[in-house]
Amino acid sequence: MPSASTTPIRFGQRLYGPTGFTLLILLYLVPGVIGHGPWRGDDVEHFAIVHSLLAGEWLLYPTLAGQPEGAFGPLHYWISALFALALGWLLPVHDAARLATPAMAVLATFWIARTSARLHGRQTRAVAALLIIGTLGLAVHVHENQPMVTLMMTQALTLAGLALTPERPLRGSLQAAAGILLAFLAAGAAGMLLTLPLMLVAATCAAETRNPRTSGALILSLSLALGGCALWPLALGSLEPAMLDLWWEQAWLDLARDPLHGAGVPRLLELLAWFTWPLWPIAMWSVWRARRQLARLSWLLPLCALTLALLWVFLQGSFNAAAMLPLAPPLALLAAAGVPTLRRGAANAFDWFAVMTFAVFAVLIWLAWSAQVFAWPPGLTRSLARMAPEFVLTGTALQAAVGSVIVLVWVALVRGLPRSFQRGPTNWALGMTMLWCLTVTLLLPWFDHTRNYRPMAESLAQALADERALCVATLGLTNSHRATLDYYTGLRPQRVRENETTCRYLVTYDDELNPGQTPSWQWREIWEYRHAGGKRLEVFRLYRRD
């Protein structure tokens, strides 16, 4: 029987060991995934594709509200549909489908940790996982229906396989081939760009893999990967030839149609600086310290993966934050190698900055909640009222109790954290988990109110039902609006072509940034809906042609 003196030590070892880290990752990824409707943006758009799949409208080529949508391959939507089928009896279908994203995030974290252990030693395994979940830019995207997280998982799987090739060539190369195949199914040309060159680099540039046994395994696996990637286009071409032509145009010809220009570089750097914090400063230190060893596989793989991810970002020319997700795995691998070598002053500063940063953000979240409940501070209260005039907060006592427990547990864990080189990454992971759980507890109703288009969709459906409308056209509606209408009401308005439509009813949309067009005199407004307020005011109008 263990003595009383050894019990706290064993409890601490479990709390701050692999068991505690695993629970921390799950606690970070699960809250906020269920319990709310599909939010505007990527969440509702990608769920609408899953909704179409569940309705039997497609199997090989994604469609959104009846229209082909080829930005991503089918893999993520297949996985989301499986979650919806497996858990749809227990949860709303959108919640069940959204669980695919944290599941892919768990796998991505696992493979990143495994890759770090293979490249830089077992002591960096937990560090890599902690750094990933402590990355600022991942917080929202790993809790929404997001195919980029699935792409990130396939990227991590490819890296993990290539990291294993020096020790076990066949097994590692086959694992990398599986990663390439899944990346292609997840994102088509983008998946190939982010993974396939890594195998070529490993086969030709690293001294650890330039031997007959490893080279042969890599060549064999590369052939299998390319053959596997051909199966999806072949099946698509045989069943839906027109879709194959559309996929070729969207997946390959659009890959570099609008690359980033010089004027957009400062804005991109600003986005990267906060999105990949705190990975990039530690990664820079790590690369500088190992500058004479960069030709080794342990450095060559993450550096090439980072280069490919940056190349893809530049080719896309997009400032969408989700497009930055492929930068996280290679930066986490580089940073994990540098954490054990940080000087004491830098490590303490990193640790202190994490605690202070999340403490300040926690105070801001409490202030936002206070403004909703107690109308204090007054300035913030007025701002929130302008953004959502109709919002009414409920359940305040329970929110306050749970939020207080979250903060107290975070303080206790930070105070008891043992001194080690993992302290800084652990504090970032603890802080991000605390901040996300606190946000979900106190502000989830607010975000659900301001980011959910369901009331608009149901109001429009009622207005159209009263009119007995059979044909409805749309002017200015985004994919988020079309996806919401399709899911909640089954309405699929036709887009206006060349300013002409044969429909008698017309739905328009405008906001502060994109003022909508006013229809001609023959259209009479019969319905209006205002969503949110202030600078985020969105106005929907329904017209009838007399």
Protein backbone atom coordinates (compact mmCIF):
# COMPACT_ATOMS: atom_id res chain seq x y z
CA MET A 1 0.00 0.00 0.00
CA PRO A 2 1.54 3.36 -0.98
CA SER A 3 2.33 5.74 1.82
CA ALA A 4 0.57 9.08 2.15
CA SER A 5 3.79 10.93 1.25
CA THR A 6 4.11 9.21 -2.11
CA THR A 7 0.46 9.68 -3.12
CA PRO A 8 0.75 13.43 -3.97
CA ILE A 9 3.90 12.73 -5.99
CA ARG A 10 2.22 10.03 -8.03
CA PHE A 11 -0.85 12.22 -8.51
CA GLY A 12 1.35 15.06 -9.71
CA GLN A 13 3.18 12.76 -12.10
CA ARG A 14 -0.13 11.70 -13.61
CA LEU A 15 -1.53 15.24 -13.65
CA TYR A 16 1.49 16.72 -15.42
CA GLY A 17 2.41 13.56 -17.32
CA PRO A 18 1.04 11.88 -20.47
CA THR A 19 -2.36 11.22 -18.88
CA GLY A 20 -2.82 14.84 -17.91
CA PHE A 21 -1.60 16.10 -21.30
CA THR A 22 -4.05 13.80 -23.10
CA LEU A 23 -6.93 15.06 -20.97
CA LEU A 24 -5.79 18.63 -21.62
CA ILE A 25 -5.88 18.11 -25.39
CA LEU A 26 -9.37 16.60 -25.23
CA LEU A 27 -10.58 19.35 -22.89
CA TYR A 28 -9.36 21.93 -25.38
CA LEU A 29 -10.80 20.30 -28.51
CA VAL A 30 -14.25 19.14 -27.38
CA PRO A 31 -15.96 22.15 -25.70
CA GLY A 32 -17.65 24.49 -28.14
CA VAL A 33 -17.99 21.89 -30.89
CA ILE A 34 -21.58 20.99 -30.01
CA GLY A 35 -24.46 22.97 -28.59
CA HIS A 36 -24.89 25.62 -31.29
CA GLY A 37 -26.11 25.88 -34.87
CA PRO A 38 -23.85 26.15 -37.90
CA TRP A 39 -22.13 29.53 -37.84
CA ARG A 40 -21.64 31.77 -40.84
CA GLY A 41 -18.48 31.27 -42.86
CA ASP A 42 -16.67 27.98 -43.20
CA ASP A 43 -18.73 26.18 -40.57
CA VAL A 44 -22.10 26.37 -42.30
CA GLU A 45 -20.67 26.19 -45.82
CA HIS A 46 -18.82 22.95 -45.24
CA PHE A 47 -21.68 21.46 -43.25
CA ALA A 48 -24.07 22.22 -46.12
CA ILE A 49 -21.89 20.02 -48.34
CA VAL A 50 -22.17 17.23 -45.77
CA HIS A 51 -25.93 17.84 -45.66
CA SER A 52 -26.10 17.35 -49.44
CA LEU A 53 -24.07 14.14 -49.13
CA LEU A 54 -26.42 12.78 -46.47
CA ALA A 55 -29.32 13.57 -48.78
CA GLY A 56 -27.72 11.38 -51.46
CA GLU A 57 -26.99 14.23 -53.89
CA TRP A 58 -23.33 13.38 -54.43
CA LEU A 59 -20.68 10.84 -53.55
CA LEU A 60 -17.52 11.76 -55.45
CA TYR A 61 -17.74 15.51 -56.07
CA PRO A 62 -18.91 17.93 -53.34
CA THR A 63 -21.94 20.13 -53.95
CA LEU A 64 -23.34 23.03 -51.93
CA ALA A 65 -27.08 23.70 -52.21
CA GLY A 66 -27.17 21.88 -55.53
CA GLN A 67 -24.13 23.64 -57.02
CA PRO A 68 -20.69 21.97 -57.49
CA GLU A 69 -18.13 23.14 -54.93
CA GLY A 70 -14.66 21.88 -55.75
CA ALA A 71 -12.41 23.82 -53.38
CA PHE A 72 -11.76 20.60 -51.42
CA GLY A 73 -11.87 16.90 -52.11
CA PRO A 74 -14.46 14.57 -50.61
CA LEU A 75 -12.42 13.09 -47.72
CA HIS A 76 -13.42 15.50 -44.95
CA TYR A 77 -17.08 15.41 -45.99
CA TRP A 78 -17.07 11.62 -46.04
CA ILE A 79 -15.69 11.58 -42.49
CA SER A 80 -18.19 14.22 -41.32
CA ALA A 81 -21.04 12.24 -42.85
CA LEU A 82 -19.91 9.11 -40.99
CA PHE A 83 -19.95 11.03 -37.70
CA ALA A 84 -23.42 12.37 -38.55
CA LEU A 85 -24.71 8.87 -39.32
CA ALA A 86 -23.12 7.37 -36.21
CA LEU A 87 -24.20 10.08 -33.73
CA GLY A 88 -27.17 11.71 -35.45
CA TRP A 89 -29.56 9.84 -33.16
CA LEU A 90 -27.95 11.49 -30.13
CA LEU A 91 -27.04 14.98 -31.39
CA PRO A 92 -28.34 17.42 -34.00
CA VAL A 93 -26.89 16.41 -37.33
CA HIS A 94 -24.76 19.56 -37.60
CA ASP A 95 -23.22 18.93 -34.17
CA ALA A 96 -22.51 15.29 -34.97
CA ALA A 97 -20.92 16.18 -38.31
CA ARG A 98 -18.80 18.91 -36.71
CA LEU A 99 -17.17 16.36 -34.39
CA ALA A 100 -15.10 15.20 -37.36
CA THR A 101 -12.91 18.29 -37.06
CA PRO A 102 -11.71 17.76 -33.46
CA ALA A 103 -11.25 14.07 -34.28
CA MET A 104 -8.93 15.04 -37.13
CA ALA A 105 -7.22 17.55 -34.85
CA VAL A 106 -6.53 14.78 -32.32
CA LEU A 107 -4.96 12.66 -35.07
CA ALA A 108 -2.94 15.62 -36.33
CA THR A 109 -1.64 16.30 -32.81
CA PHE A 110 -0.76 12.63 -32.37
CA TRP A 111 1.18 12.44 -35.64
CA ILE A 112 2.97 15.74 -34.99
CA ALA A 113 4.06 14.47 -31.58
CA ARG A 114 5.15 11.15 -33.09
CA THR A 115 7.09 12.95 -35.83
CA SER A 116 8.87 15.15 -33.31
CA ALA A 117 9.87 12.11 -31.26
CA ARG A 118 11.28 10.39 -34.37
CA LEU A 119 13.18 13.46 -35.54
CA HIS A 120 14.37 15.08 -32.31
CA GLY A 121 13.96 12.51 -29.53
CA ARG A 122 11.21 11.44 -27.14
CA GLN A 123 11.75 14.48 -24.91
CA THR A 124 10.16 16.69 -27.58
CA ARG A 125 7.04 14.58 -28.11
CA ALA A 126 4.87 16.26 -25.48
CA VAL A 127 6.35 19.66 -26.32
CA ALA A 128 5.21 19.43 -29.95
CA ALA A 129 1.66 18.48 -28.93
CA LEU A 130 1.49 21.28 -26.35
CA LEU A 131 2.77 23.85 -28.82
CA ILE A 132 0.15 22.87 -31.40
CA ILE A 133 -2.80 23.32 -29.07
CA GLY A 134 -1.26 26.52 -27.73
CA THR A 135 -1.12 28.11 -31.19
CA LEU A 136 -3.41 31.15 -31.36
CA GLY A 137 -4.67 30.66 -34.90
CA LEU A 138 -6.00 27.14 -34.36
CA ALA A 139 -8.52 28.02 -31.63
CA VAL A 140 -11.56 28.71 -33.81
CA HIS A 141 -10.81 26.44 -36.75
CA VAL A 142 -10.41 23.20 -34.78
CA HIS A 143 -13.91 23.78 -33.36
CA GLU A 144 -15.76 24.31 -36.65
CA ASN A 145 -16.50 22.11 -39.64
CA GLN A 146 -13.15 22.68 -41.33
CA PRO A 147 -11.57 20.52 -44.08
CA MET A 148 -8.24 22.32 -43.62
CA VAL A 149 -7.83 20.49 -40.30
CA THR A 150 -8.20 17.19 -42.15
CA LEU A 151 -5.57 18.38 -44.64
CA MET A 152 -3.31 19.27 -41.71
CA MET A 153 -3.77 15.73 -40.36
CA THR A 154 -2.70 14.18 -43.67
CA GLN A 155 0.30 16.50 -43.77
CA ALA A 156 1.33 15.37 -40.28
CA LEU A 157 0.81 11.71 -41.24
CA THR A 158 3.12 12.13 -44.25
CA LEU A 159 5.81 13.77 -42.11
CA ALA A 160 5.54 11.02 -39.50
CA GLY A 161 6.02 8.32 -42.13
CA LEU A 162 9.04 10.00 -43.70
CA ALA A 163 10.58 10.54 -40.26
CA LEU A 164 10.39 6.77 -39.71
CA THR A 165 12.09 5.77 -42.98
CA PRO A 166 15.72 5.81 -41.72
CA GLU A 167 14.81 3.25 -39.05
CA ARG A 168 12.06 1.26 -40.81
CA PRO A 169 12.12 2.15 -44.52
CA LEU A 170 9.17 0.13 -45.82
CA ARG A 171 6.78 0.88 -42.99
CA GLY A 172 7.66 4.57 -42.94
CA SER A 173 7.42 5.04 -46.70
CA LEU A 174 4.06 3.22 -46.86
CA GLN A 175 2.77 5.46 -44.08
CA ALA A 176 3.94 8.52 -46.03
CA ALA A 177 2.24 7.16 -49.16
CA ALA A 178 -1.01 6.84 -47.21
CA GLY A 179 -0.61 10.45 -46.10
CA ILE A 180 -0.14 11.61 -49.70
CA LEU A 181 -3.18 9.67 -50.89
CA LEU A 182 -5.37 11.04 -48.09
CA ALA A 183 -4.04 14.58 -48.70
CA PHE A 184 -5.07 14.30 -52.34
CA LEU A 185 -8.55 13.13 -51.33
CA ALA A 186 -8.74 15.98 -48.81
CA ALA A 187 -7.67 18.89 -51.02
CA GLY A 188 -6.75 17.73 -54.51
CA ALA A 189 -3.90 19.78 -55.98
CA ALA A 190 -3.21 21.54 -52.68
CA GLY A 191 -2.83 18.20 -50.91
CA MET A 192 -0.38 16.99 -53.54
CA LEU A 193 1.63 20.21 -53.35
CA LEU A 194 1.95 20.00 -49.56
CA THR A 195 2.95 16.33 -49.33
CA LEU A 196 4.28 14.76 -52.54
CA PRO A 197 7.49 16.86 -52.80
CA LEU A 198 8.38 15.82 -49.25
CA MET A 199 8.86 12.23 -50.37
CA LEU A 200 11.03 13.36 -53.28
CA VAL A 201 13.15 15.48 -50.94
CA ALA A 202 13.54 12.60 -48.49
CA ALA A 203 14.59 10.25 -51.29
CA THR A 204 17.17 12.56 -52.87
CA CYS A 205 18.45 15.14 -50.39
CA ALA A 206 18.85 13.49 -46.99
CA ALA A 207 21.96 11.44 -46.24
CA GLU A 208 19.99 9.15 -43.90
CA THR A 209 17.82 7.89 -46.77
CA ARG A 210 20.38 7.66 -49.57
CA ASN A 211 20.85 3.89 -49.44
CA PRO A 212 19.40 1.15 -51.66
CA ARG A 213 16.96 -0.21 -49.09
CA THR A 214 15.39 3.14 -48.14
CA SER A 215 15.44 4.52 -51.68
CA GLY A 216 13.73 1.41 -53.01
CA ALA A 217 11.03 1.60 -50.35
CA LEU A 218 10.43 5.28 -51.10
CA ILE A 219 10.20 4.71 -54.86
CA LEU A 220 7.79 1.79 -54.36
CA SER A 221 5.61 3.82 -51.99
CA LEU A 222 5.65 6.83 -54.29
CA SER A 223 4.37 4.65 -57.13
CA LEU A 224 1.63 3.27 -54.91
CA ALA A 225 0.68 6.79 -53.80
CA LEU A 226 0.42 8.09 -57.37
CA GLY A 227 -1.58 5.04 -58.43
CA GLY A 228 -3.93 5.48 -55.49
CA CYS A 229 -4.40 9.17 -56.25
CA ALA A 230 -5.52 8.28 -59.78
CA LEU A 231 -8.46 6.18 -58.53
CA TRP A 232 -10.67 9.09 -57.50
CA PRO A 233 -10.41 11.03 -60.82
CA LEU A 234 -10.89 7.78 -62.76
CA ALA A 235 -14.05 6.97 -60.81
CA LEU A 236 -15.27 10.54 -61.19
CA GLY A 237 -14.62 10.50 -64.94
CA SER A 238 -16.42 7.22 -65.45
CA LEU A 239 -19.51 8.19 -63.44
CA GLU A 240 -19.67 11.97 -63.97
CA PRO A 241 -17.44 13.11 -66.87
CA ALA A 242 -18.61 16.73 -66.68
CA MET A 243 -17.59 16.87 -63.02
CA LEU A 244 -14.11 15.63 -63.90
CA ASP A 245 -13.62 18.59 -66.27
CA LEU A 246 -14.87 20.96 -63.59
CA TRP A 247 -12.58 19.43 -60.98
CA TRP A 248 -9.58 19.77 -63.31
CA GLU A 249 -10.31 23.46 -63.83
CA GLN A 250 -10.93 24.30 -60.18
CA ALA A 251 -8.26 22.09 -58.62
CA TRP A 252 -5.38 22.71 -60.99
CA LEU A 253 -5.94 25.73 -63.19
CA ASP A 254 -7.18 27.85 -60.27
CA LEU A 255 -4.24 26.84 -58.07
CA ALA A 256 -2.14 29.85 -59.10
CA ARG A 257 -4.66 32.00 -60.95
CA ASP A 258 -4.51 34.87 -58.44
CA PRO A 259 -1.17 34.71 -56.59
CA LEU A 260 -0.23 37.14 -53.86
CA HIS A 261 1.32 40.38 -55.08
CA GLY A 262 3.92 42.51 -53.36
CA ALA A 263 1.38 44.94 -51.91
CA GLY A 264 -0.22 42.11 -49.94
CA VAL A 265 2.99 40.85 -48.30
CA PRO A 266 2.84 43.16 -45.22
CA ARG A 267 -0.74 42.14 -44.55
CA LEU A 268 0.19 38.48 -44.91
CA LEU A 269 3.12 38.83 -42.53
CA GLU A 270 0.85 40.46 -39.98
CA LEU A 271 -1.60 37.57 -40.29
CA LEU A 272 1.15 34.98 -39.97
CA ALA A 273 2.67 36.73 -36.95
CA TRP A 274 -0.42 36.33 -34.76
CA PHE A 275 -1.77 33.12 -36.32
CA THR A 276 1.39 31.08 -35.69
CA TRP A 277 2.26 32.62 -32.32
CA PRO A 278 4.14 31.40 -30.29
CA LEU A 279 5.62 28.91 -32.79
CA TRP A 280 7.57 31.17 -35.12
CA PRO A 281 9.99 32.91 -32.67
CA ILE A 282 11.03 29.59 -31.11
CA ALA A 283 11.29 27.99 -34.56
CA MET A 284 13.59 30.81 -35.72
CA TRP A 285 15.82 30.26 -32.69
CA SER A 286 15.83 26.52 -33.31
CA VAL A 287 16.83 26.88 -36.98
CA TRP A 288 19.56 29.40 -36.13
CA ARG A 289 21.03 27.10 -33.51
CA ALA A 290 21.03 24.13 -35.94
CA ARG A 291 22.10 26.15 -39.00
CA ARG A 292 25.06 23.81 -39.66
CA GLN A 293 22.88 20.69 -39.56
CA LEU A 294 20.01 21.71 -41.85
CA ALA A 295 20.85 19.02 -44.42
CA ARG A 296 19.87 16.31 -41.94
CA LEU A 297 16.45 14.73 -42.31
CA SER A 298 15.35 16.00 -38.90
CA TRP A 299 15.62 19.59 -40.14
CA LEU A 300 15.15 19.09 -43.85
CA LEU A 301 11.64 17.64 -43.54
CA PRO A 302 10.00 20.42 -41.46
CA LEU A 303 11.83 23.16 -43.40
CA CYS A 304 10.65 21.76 -46.74
CA ALA A 305 7.11 21.33 -45.38
CA LEU A 306 7.16 24.94 -44.20
CA THR A 307 8.43 26.13 -47.60
CA LEU A 308 5.69 24.22 -49.41
CA ALA A 309 3.02 25.63 -47.09
CA LEU A 310 4.27 29.19 -47.66
CA LEU A 311 4.36 28.57 -51.40
CA TRP A 312 0.76 27.41 -51.34
CA VAL A 313 -0.30 30.48 -49.32
CA PHE A 314 1.36 32.76 -51.88
CA LEU A 315 -0.18 30.91 -54.82
CA GLN A 316 -3.64 31.16 -53.29
CA GLY A 317 -3.28 34.89 -52.67
CA SER A 318 -5.88 34.54 -49.91
CA PHE A 319 -5.95 36.18 -46.50
CA ASN A 320 -8.35 33.60 -45.13
CA ALA A 321 -6.98 32.57 -41.74
CA ALA A 322 -7.89 28.91 -42.28
CA ALA A 323 -5.47 28.79 -45.23
CA MET A 324 -2.60 29.26 -42.73
CA LEU A 325 -3.28 25.93 -40.97
CA PRO A 326 -0.69 23.93 -43.01
CA LEU A 327 2.00 26.18 -41.54
CA ALA A 328 1.35 24.90 -38.03
CA PRO A 329 2.76 21.31 -38.22
CA PRO A 330 6.23 22.19 -39.60
CA LEU A 331 6.56 25.21 -37.31
CA ALA A 332 5.58 23.07 -34.31
CA LEU A 333 8.25 20.51 -35.23
CA LEU A 334 10.92 23.20 -35.54
CA ALA A 335 9.85 24.90 -32.32
CA ALA A 336 9.71 21.62 -30.38
CA ALA A 337 13.35 20.99 -31.22
CA GLY A 338 14.30 24.42 -29.92
CA VAL A 339 12.39 24.45 -26.64
CA PRO A 340 14.87 22.22 -24.71
CA THR A 341 17.74 24.48 -25.83
CA LEU A 342 16.20 27.80 -24.79
CA ARG A 343 18.34 29.78 -22.41
CA ARG A 344 16.98 30.18 -18.92
CA GLY A 345 16.10 33.84 -19.36
CA ALA A 346 14.26 33.24 -22.64
CA ALA A 347 12.43 30.22 -21.21
CA ASN A 348 11.32 32.20 -18.14
CA ALA A 349 10.19 35.10 -20.33
CA PHE A 350 8.24 32.71 -22.55
CA ASP A 351 6.62 31.19 -19.46
CA TRP A 352 5.83 34.54 -17.83
CA PHE A 353 4.46 36.04 -21.02
CA ALA A 354 2.08 33.10 -21.45
CA VAL A 355 0.62 33.48 -17.96
CA MET A 356 0.23 37.27 -18.24
CA THR A 357 -1.25 37.12 -21.75
CA PHE A 358 -3.98 34.65 -20.88
CA ALA A 359 -4.73 36.41 -17.59
CA VAL A 360 -5.35 39.66 -19.49
CA PHE A 361 -7.55 37.94 -22.07
CA ALA A 362 -9.51 36.20 -19.31
CA VAL A 363 -10.23 39.59 -17.72
CA LEU A 364 -11.44 40.91 -21.09
CA ILE A 365 -13.81 37.96 -21.46
CA TRP A 366 -15.23 38.59 -17.99
CA LEU A 367 -15.70 42.26 -18.90
CA ALA A 368 -17.61 41.31 -22.04
CA TRP A 369 -19.85 39.03 -19.97
CA SER A 370 -20.32 41.75 -17.34
CA ALA A 371 -21.34 44.21 -20.04
CA GLN A 372 -24.10 41.84 -21.13
CA VAL A 373 -25.34 41.00 -17.63
CA PHE A 374 -24.71 44.11 -15.50
CA ALA A 375 -24.39 46.76 -18.26
CA TRP A 376 -20.88 47.57 -17.03
CA PRO A 377 -18.58 48.95 -18.33
CA PRO A 378 -21.04 51.31 -20.05
CA GLY A 379 -19.00 51.90 -23.22
CA LEU A 380 -18.63 48.21 -23.93
CA THR A 381 -22.30 47.67 -23.13
CA ARG A 382 -23.32 50.24 -25.75
CA SER A 383 -21.01 48.65 -28.34
CA LEU A 384 -22.45 45.18 -27.74
CA ALA A 385 -26.00 46.54 -27.88
CA ARG A 386 -25.30 48.13 -31.26
CA MET A 387 -23.90 44.87 -32.63
CA ALA A 388 -26.84 42.74 -31.42
CA PRO A 389 -29.84 44.82 -30.31
CA GLU A 390 -32.13 41.80 -29.89
CA PHE A 391 -29.76 39.66 -27.80
CA VAL A 392 -30.85 38.76 -24.26
CA LEU A 393 -28.48 36.81 -22.00
CA THR A 394 -29.90 34.01 -19.83
CA GLY A 395 -28.47 31.56 -17.30
CA THR A 396 -26.05 34.05 -15.77
CA ALA A 397 -25.64 32.41 -12.34
CA LEU A 398 -24.58 29.06 -13.79
CA GLN A 399 -22.25 30.77 -16.27
CA ALA A 400 -20.57 32.72 -13.47
CA ALA A 401 -20.10 29.61 -11.34
CA VAL A 402 -18.63 27.47 -14.12
CA GLY A 403 -16.45 30.33 -15.38
CA SER A 404 -15.06 30.90 -11.88
CA VAL A 405 -14.22 27.21 -11.51
CA ILE A 406 -12.39 27.25 -14.86
CA VAL A 407 -10.23 30.20 -13.82
CA LEU A 408 -9.49 28.78 -10.36
CA VAL A 409 -8.46 25.41 -11.80
CA TRP A 410 -6.19 27.18 -14.29
CA VAL A 411 -4.54 29.20 -11.49
CA ALA A 412 -4.01 26.06 -9.41
CA LEU A 413 -2.48 24.15 -12.32
CA VAL A 414 -0.16 27.01 -13.23
CA ARG A 415 1.01 27.41 -9.62
CA GLY A 416 1.70 23.67 -9.28
CA LEU A 417 3.46 23.28 -12.61
CA PRO A 418 6.89 21.70 -12.01
CA ARG A 419 10.06 23.35 -13.29
CA SER A 420 11.22 21.85 -16.58
CA PHE A 421 11.86 22.82 -20.18
CA GLN A 422 8.20 21.89 -20.85
CA ARG A 423 6.89 24.58 -18.51
CA GLY A 424 6.54 27.30 -21.17
CA PRO A 425 4.69 25.15 -23.76
CA THR A 426 2.53 23.69 -21.00
CA ASN A 427 1.52 27.15 -19.82
CA TRP A 428 0.57 28.12 -23.37
CA ALA A 429 -1.53 24.98 -23.74
CA LEU A 430 -3.14 25.47 -20.32
CA GLY A 431 -3.82 29.12 -21.10
CA MET A 432 -5.42 28.41 -24.48
CA THR A 433 -7.58 25.68 -22.94
CA MET A 434 -8.68 27.96 -20.09
CA LEU A 435 -9.39 30.84 -22.47
CA TRP A 436 -11.40 28.72 -24.90
CA CYS A 437 -13.43 26.99 -22.16
CA LEU A 438 -14.10 30.37 -20.51
CA THR A 439 -15.20 31.87 -23.83
CA VAL A 440 -17.54 28.96 -24.51
CA THR A 441 -19.00 29.18 -21.00
CA LEU A 442 -19.58 32.93 -20.89
CA LEU A 443 -19.94 34.07 -24.48
CA LEU A 444 -21.22 31.11 -26.52
CA PRO A 445 -24.85 32.41 -26.51
CA TRP A 446 -23.60 35.75 -27.79
CA PHE A 447 -21.58 34.24 -30.62
CA ASP A 448 -24.41 31.89 -31.54
CA HIS A 449 -26.80 34.83 -31.77
CA THR A 450 -24.52 37.00 -33.91
CA ARG A 451 -23.13 34.25 -36.18
CA ASN A 452 -26.21 32.10 -36.76
CA TYR A 453 -28.45 32.82 -39.76
CA ARG A 454 -31.19 30.40 -38.75
CA PRO A 455 -33.71 33.09 -37.62
CA MET A 456 -33.28 34.87 -40.96
CA ALA A 457 -33.79 31.66 -42.92
CA GLU A 458 -36.93 30.71 -41.02
CA SER A 459 -38.36 34.23 -41.32
CA LEU A 460 -37.74 34.25 -45.07
CA ALA A 461 -39.28 30.79 -45.46
CA GLN A 462 -42.43 31.99 -43.67
CA ALA A 463 -42.66 35.06 -45.87
CA LEU A 464 -42.33 32.95 -49.01
CA ALA A 465 -44.83 30.40 -47.73
CA ASP A 466 -47.42 33.15 -47.33
CA GLU A 467 -46.73 34.18 -50.93
CA ARG A 468 -46.80 30.61 -52.28
CA ALA A 469 -43.58 31.33 -54.16
CA LEU A 470 -42.40 28.71 -56.62
CA CYS A 471 -39.37 30.44 -58.12
CA VAL A 472 -37.00 32.65 -56.13
CA ALA A 473 -33.90 34.43 -57.44
CA THR A 474 -31.03 35.79 -55.37
CA LEU A 475 -28.77 38.79 -55.72
CA GLY A 476 -25.73 39.11 -53.47
CA LEU A 477 -26.27 36.10 -51.18
CA THR A 478 -23.02 34.45 -50.09
CA ASN A 479 -22.35 30.74 -49.79
CA SER A 480 -23.05 31.01 -46.05
CA HIS A 481 -26.54 32.37 -46.71
CA ARG A 482 -27.28 29.79 -49.40
CA ALA A 483 -26.02 26.99 -47.14
CA THR A 484 -28.21 28.15 -44.24
CA LEU A 485 -31.30 28.43 -46.40
CA ASP A 486 -30.70 24.97 -47.83
CA TYR A 487 -30.21 23.30 -44.44
CA TYR A 488 -32.98 24.94 -42.42
CA THR A 489 -35.65 25.55 -45.08
CA GLY A 490 -34.72 23.53 -48.17
CA LEU A 491 -34.82 26.76 -50.19
CA ARG A 492 -32.35 27.04 -53.06
CA PRO A 493 -32.71 30.43 -54.78
CA GLN A 494 -31.47 30.78 -58.35
CA ARG A 495 -28.65 33.22 -58.99
CA VAL A 496 -29.39 36.18 -61.22
CA ARG A 497 -27.51 35.88 -64.52
CA GLU A 498 -26.59 39.03 -66.49
CA ASN A 499 -29.05 41.06 -64.41
CA GLU A 500 -31.99 39.00 -65.67
CA THR A 501 -34.27 36.44 -64.04
CA THR A 502 -37.57 34.79 -64.87
CA CYS A 503 -38.50 34.38 -61.20
CA ARG A 504 -41.22 36.51 -59.67
CA TYR A 505 -39.45 36.74 -56.27
CA LEU A 506 -36.01 38.14 -55.55
CA VAL A 507 -33.89 38.00 -52.35
CA THR A 508 -31.14 40.61 -51.96
CA TYR A 509 -28.38 41.13 -49.41
CA ASP A 510 -26.21 44.08 -48.45
CA ASP A 511 -23.97 45.18 -45.62
CA GLU A 512 -21.60 48.03 -44.80
CA LEU A 513 -18.79 46.73 -47.02
CA ASN A 514 -20.94 45.50 -49.93
CA PRO A 515 -24.00 47.69 -50.50
CA GLY A 516 -26.55 45.72 -52.47
CA GLN A 517 -28.11 46.73 -55.77
CA THR A 518 -31.58 48.26 -55.70
CA PRO A 519 -33.93 46.43 -58.11
CA SER A 520 -35.85 48.38 -60.75
CA TRP A 521 -39.29 49.93 -60.20
CA GLN A 522 -41.14 46.74 -61.12
CA TRP A 523 -39.93 45.04 -57.93
CA ARG A 524 -41.82 45.81 -54.70
CA GLU A 525 -40.29 45.09 -51.29
CA ILE A 526 -42.47 42.79 -49.18
CA TRP A 527 -40.08 41.59 -46.44
CA GLU A 528 -36.94 42.79 -44.67
CA TYR A 529 -34.71 41.20 -42.03
CA ARG A 530 -31.83 42.90 -40.19
CA HIS A 531 -29.12 40.72 -38.69
CA ALA A 532 -26.69 42.03 -36.03
CA GLY A 533 -26.07 45.79 -36.00
CA GLY A 534 -23.54 48.61 -36.08
CA LYS A 535 -20.77 48.11 -38.60
CA ARG A 536 -21.78 44.44 -38.87
CA LEU A 537 -25.37 45.16 -39.87
CA GLU A 538 -26.63 42.80 -42.58
CA VAL A 539 -29.90 43.51 -44.38
CA PHE A 540 -31.94 40.90 -46.28
CA ARG A 541 -34.86 41.96 -48.46
CA LEU A 542 -37.50 40.06 -50.41
CA TYR A 543 -39.05 41.61 -53.50
CA ARG A 544 -42.02 40.61 -55.60
CA ARG A 545 -42.30 41.56 -59.25
CA ASP A 546 -45.73 43.02 -59.94
